[in-house]
Amino acid sequence: MSEKILVPVLGESITEATVTKWLKKKGDNVVADEAVVELETDKVNLEVPAPASGVISEINSKDGDTVEVGTVLGMISEGGALKEEKEAEPVKGNVEKNNVINLEIEKKKDTKKTQEPLLLDEEPLVLTDEVEETKPIKQNKT
């Protein structure tokens, strides 16, 4: 199984970044959450972590390339074996030109899996300023 290394959402108004430097090269072993590539924008610099442990099997962008949010930067093969180009599985999902995944389509697919809202059979409790006066209970001294 392979995991995609994607350009993460960089901010509300940021849509692209520049690949500053690959910290790992093709064939290197990586551990999940280990930084594999550095990205730079006009507002933020960040390191993209490995989504899973394995071996870097593919690098799709070079240092200095401009990439959009959702772009597949590379692939990590789990299991430790580097796949040959001929044996590589095609990328699953909605991939557009230039290895860019349409995140909006992926989000719409996820929303269909949500649970139905919880319905209560009782009337909701409504708080008011009303206070009920009660008489104190007399205690018998024996």
Protein backbone atom coordinates (compact mmCIF):
# COMPACT_ATOMS: atom_id res chain seq x y z
CA MET A 1 0.00 0.00 0.00
CA SER A 2 1.24 3.50 -0.78
CA GLU A 3 0.58 6.79 0.98
CA LYS A 4 0.53 10.13 -0.82
CA ILE A 5 2.61 13.05 0.43
CA LEU A 6 0.28 16.02 -0.20
CA VAL A 7 0.69 19.78 -0.01
CA PRO A 8 -1.38 20.61 3.09
CA VAL A 9 -3.86 23.46 3.43
CA LEU A 10 -1.56 26.43 4.03
CA GLY A 11 -4.03 29.05 5.17
CA GLU A 12 -7.26 30.67 4.16
CA SER A 13 -5.87 32.81 1.33
CA ILE A 14 -2.75 30.80 0.41
CA THR A 15 -3.22 28.52 -2.59
CA GLU A 16 0.34 27.65 -3.60
CA ALA A 17 3.84 27.18 -2.22
CA THR A 18 7.40 26.66 -3.42
CA VAL A 19 9.28 23.44 -2.70
CA THR A 20 12.32 24.74 -0.83
CA LYS A 21 14.18 21.52 -0.10
CA TRP A 22 13.57 17.79 0.05
CA LEU A 23 14.89 16.51 3.38
CA LYS A 24 14.71 12.90 2.17
CA LYS A 25 15.49 11.37 -1.21
CA LYS A 26 13.96 8.53 -3.19
CA GLY A 27 14.69 5.22 -1.48
CA ASP A 28 15.13 6.70 2.02
CA ASN A 29 13.33 5.12 4.96
CA VAL A 30 10.98 7.45 6.85
CA VAL A 31 8.97 7.22 10.05
CA ALA A 32 5.40 8.54 10.30
CA ASP A 33 5.34 12.29 11.10
CA GLU A 34 9.02 12.73 10.19
CA ALA A 35 9.64 15.87 8.09
CA VAL A 36 10.31 14.94 4.45
CA VAL A 37 10.05 18.22 2.50
CA GLU A 38 10.15 21.96 3.22
CA LEU A 39 7.65 24.36 1.63
CA GLU A 40 7.73 28.15 1.53
CA THR A 41 5.03 30.76 0.87
CA ASP A 42 5.07 34.53 1.19
CA LYS A 43 3.48 34.14 4.66
CA VAL A 44 4.68 30.82 6.10
CA ASN A 45 7.50 28.26 5.90
CA LEU A 46 6.69 24.70 6.91
CA GLU A 47 7.89 21.13 6.88
CA VAL A 48 5.55 18.50 5.46
CA PRO A 49 5.55 15.31 7.58
CA ALA A 50 5.45 11.75 6.28
CA PRO A 51 1.86 10.44 6.45
CA ALA A 52 3.10 6.90 7.24
CA SER A 53 6.25 4.89 7.86
CA GLY A 54 7.94 3.30 4.87
CA VAL A 55 10.24 4.13 1.97
CA ILE A 56 10.07 7.20 -0.29
CA SER A 57 9.12 5.54 -3.57
CA GLU A 58 8.32 8.60 -5.68
CA ILE A 59 9.18 12.31 -5.76
CA ASN A 60 6.96 14.32 -8.11
CA SER A 61 8.35 17.84 -7.61
CA LYS A 62 11.86 19.26 -7.56
CA ASP A 63 13.37 21.96 -5.37
CA GLY A 64 12.13 25.33 -6.62
CA ASP A 65 8.87 24.00 -8.13
CA THR A 66 5.65 25.88 -7.38
CA VAL A 67 2.91 23.55 -6.13
CA GLU A 68 -0.78 24.07 -5.31
CA VAL A 69 -2.63 22.94 -2.19
CA GLY A 70 -3.54 19.27 -2.67
CA THR A 71 -0.67 18.51 -5.05
CA VAL A 72 0.86 15.04 -4.68
CA LEU A 73 4.50 15.77 -3.80
CA GLY A 74 5.51 12.13 -3.63
CA MET A 75 4.62 8.64 -2.45
CA ILE A 76 5.65 6.48 0.48
CA SER A 77 5.56 2.71 0.02
CA GLU A 78 4.74 0.86 3.21
CA GLY A 79 6.50 -2.42 3.66
CA GLY A 80 10.01 -1.18 2.97
CA ALA A 81 10.36 -2.25 -0.68
CA LEU A 82 10.85 0.33 -3.40
CA LYS A 83 8.44 -0.34 -6.28
CA GLU A 84 9.63 -0.30 -9.84
CA GLU A 85 8.11 2.30 -12.16
CA LYS A 86 6.40 -0.45 -14.21
CA GLU A 87 4.79 -2.04 -11.14
CA ALA A 88 3.62 1.20 -9.53
CA GLU A 89 -0.08 1.39 -8.84
CA PRO A 90 -1.98 4.32 -10.31
CA VAL A 91 -2.96 7.01 -7.81
CA LYS A 92 -6.52 6.45 -6.62
CA GLY A 93 -8.97 9.27 -6.04
CA ASN A 94 -9.80 12.41 -7.95
CA VAL A 95 -6.50 13.51 -9.44
CA GLU A 96 -6.54 16.41 -11.85
CA LYS A 97 -3.72 17.55 -14.13
CA ASN A 98 -0.31 18.04 -12.52
CA ASN A 99 -1.05 15.59 -9.67
CA VAL A 100 -3.48 17.97 -7.92
CA ILE A 101 -6.27 16.39 -5.90
CA ASN A 102 -9.53 18.31 -5.75
CA LEU A 103 -9.98 18.63 -1.98
CA GLU A 104 -13.54 19.97 -2.31
CA ILE A 105 -14.68 16.73 -3.99
CA GLU A 106 -12.94 14.69 -1.26
CA LYS A 107 -14.71 16.73 1.44
CA LYS A 108 -18.12 16.19 -0.21
CA LYS A 109 -17.56 12.43 -0.21
CA ASP A 110 -16.75 12.48 3.52
CA THR A 111 -19.89 14.43 4.44
CA LYS A 112 -22.12 11.67 3.05
CA LYS A 113 -20.80 9.31 5.72
CA THR A 114 -22.01 11.45 8.64
CA GLN A 115 -24.55 10.09 11.09
CA GLU A 116 -28.17 11.15 11.30
CA PRO A 117 -28.95 13.76 13.96
CA LEU A 118 -30.03 12.51 17.37
CA LEU A 119 -33.76 13.04 17.97
CA LEU A 120 -35.13 13.36 21.49
CA ASP A 121 -38.57 12.05 22.48
CA GLU A 122 -38.91 14.49 25.40
CA GLU A 123 -39.69 18.18 25.48
CA PRO A 124 -36.58 20.27 26.00
CA LEU A 125 -36.04 21.81 29.44
CA VAL A 126 -36.67 25.56 29.36
CA LEU A 127 -35.13 27.66 32.11
CA THR A 128 -37.06 30.64 33.44
CA ASP A 129 -36.67 33.17 36.24
CA GLU A 130 -39.62 31.68 38.15
CA VAL A 131 -38.86 30.32 41.61
CA GLU A 132 -41.21 28.04 43.49
CA GLU A 133 -41.60 28.92 47.14
CA THR A 134 -41.57 25.98 49.52
CA LYS A 135 -42.23 25.88 53.24
CA PRO A 136 -39.43 24.69 55.44
CA ILE A 137 -39.93 21.25 56.94
CA LYS A 138 -40.33 21.26 60.72
CA GLN A 139 -38.23 18.77 62.57
CA ASN A 140 -39.64 17.12 65.70
CA LYS A 141 -37.29 17.19 68.63
CA THR A 142 -37.71 14.08 70.71
